Amino acid sequence: MKMLDLMFDTLYKQEKQYGEDSVEVAKTCFLIGVVFMDENLPDSAMKYFKRSLEIRINYFMPDSKEILEVTNAIRAAGEEIDK
């Protein structure tokens, strides 16, 4: 879990530097979700995928690759997305 410790530290610093709803924070949340999925922890991954999506929808068009990346990850974690 050392990787996650570094990622959470990065997330904290990004929130302070760029704001809690920045694209940088969204990217890091997505990556944290990926690590949780790799650890077979889909419920934990879902929390960070959803946060990433909530931020990204404020910056990107609905059919953009940035949104599709997260919605595909959410589906892979076992939840459906309402369009």
Protein backbone atom coordinates (compact mmCIF):
# COMPACT_ATOMS: atom_id res chain seq x y z
CA MET A 1 0.00 0.00 0.00
CA LYS A 2 3.01 2.30 -0.11
CA MET A 3 1.94 3.44 -3.59
CA LEU A 4 -1.39 4.58 -2.18
CA ASP A 5 0.33 6.52 0.60
CA LEU A 6 2.27 8.48 -2.01
CA MET A 7 -0.84 9.05 -4.07
CA PHE A 8 -2.85 10.29 -1.08
CA ASP A 9 0.00 12.65 -0.22
CA THR A 10 -0.05 13.93 -3.80
CA LEU A 11 -3.82 14.32 -3.67
CA TYR A 12 -3.60 16.37 -0.47
CA LYS A 13 -0.95 18.65 -1.98
CA GLN A 14 -2.93 19.10 -5.20
CA GLU A 15 -6.07 20.00 -3.28
CA LYS A 16 -4.15 22.71 -1.44
CA GLN A 17 -2.34 24.02 -4.52
CA TYR A 18 -5.01 23.77 -7.23
CA GLY A 19 -8.28 23.45 -5.31
CA GLU A 20 -10.43 20.44 -4.50
CA ASP A 21 -12.21 20.54 -7.86
CA SER A 22 -9.23 20.85 -10.19
CA VAL A 23 -8.40 18.68 -13.18
CA GLU A 24 -5.20 17.64 -11.42
CA VAL A 25 -7.20 16.33 -8.45
CA ALA A 26 -9.54 14.49 -10.84
CA LYS A 27 -6.59 12.75 -12.50
CA THR A 28 -5.12 11.67 -9.18
CA CYS A 29 -8.50 10.43 -7.91
CA PHE A 30 -8.83 8.36 -11.06
CA LEU A 31 -5.37 6.84 -10.55
CA ILE A 32 -6.14 6.06 -6.92
CA GLY A 33 -9.24 4.24 -8.14
CA VAL A 34 -7.12 2.25 -10.59
CA VAL A 35 -4.77 1.17 -7.79
CA PHE A 36 -7.73 0.11 -5.65
CA MET A 37 -9.07 -1.93 -8.58
CA ASP A 38 -5.66 -3.56 -8.98
CA GLU A 39 -5.89 -4.47 -5.28
CA ASN A 40 -9.36 -5.98 -5.94
CA LEU A 41 -11.11 -3.32 -3.85
CA PRO A 42 -13.88 -2.10 -6.18
CA ASP A 43 -15.88 -0.33 -3.47
CA SER A 44 -12.89 1.82 -2.53
CA ALA A 45 -12.11 2.39 -6.20
CA MET A 46 -15.68 3.53 -6.85
CA LYS A 47 -15.36 6.37 -4.34
CA TYR A 48 -12.42 7.85 -6.22
CA PHE A 49 -13.77 7.14 -9.70
CA LYS A 50 -16.99 8.96 -8.79
CA ARG A 51 -15.09 11.91 -7.37
CA SER A 52 -13.00 12.08 -10.53
CA LEU A 53 -16.14 12.00 -12.66
CA GLU A 54 -17.86 14.70 -10.59
CA ILE A 55 -14.90 17.01 -11.16
CA ARG A 56 -14.36 16.15 -14.82
CA ILE A 57 -17.96 16.83 -15.85
CA ASN A 58 -17.31 20.48 -15.00
CA TYR A 59 -14.40 20.67 -17.46
CA PHE A 60 -15.12 18.27 -20.32
CA MET A 61 -17.89 17.46 -22.79
CA PRO A 62 -19.99 14.35 -21.99
CA ASP A 63 -18.52 12.26 -24.83
CA SER A 64 -14.91 13.32 -24.26
CA LYS A 65 -12.20 10.74 -23.67
CA GLU A 66 -11.71 12.16 -20.15
CA ILE A 67 -15.31 11.36 -19.23
CA LEU A 68 -15.43 8.03 -21.05
CA GLU A 69 -12.26 6.88 -19.28
CA VAL A 70 -13.92 7.31 -15.89
CA THR A 71 -17.34 5.97 -16.85
CA ASN A 72 -15.70 2.84 -18.27
CA ALA A 73 -13.76 2.39 -15.02
CA ILE A 74 -16.97 2.78 -12.99
CA ARG A 75 -18.65 0.12 -15.10
CA ALA A 76 -15.64 -2.16 -14.66
CA ALA A 77 -15.98 -1.69 -10.91
CA GLY A 78 -19.52 -3.01 -11.20
CA GLU A 79 -21.85 -0.03 -11.31
CA GLU A 80 -24.01 1.35 -14.09
CA ILE A 81 -23.90 4.99 -15.17
CA ASP A 82 -27.05 6.98 -15.90
CA LYS A 83 -26.64 9.09 -19.03
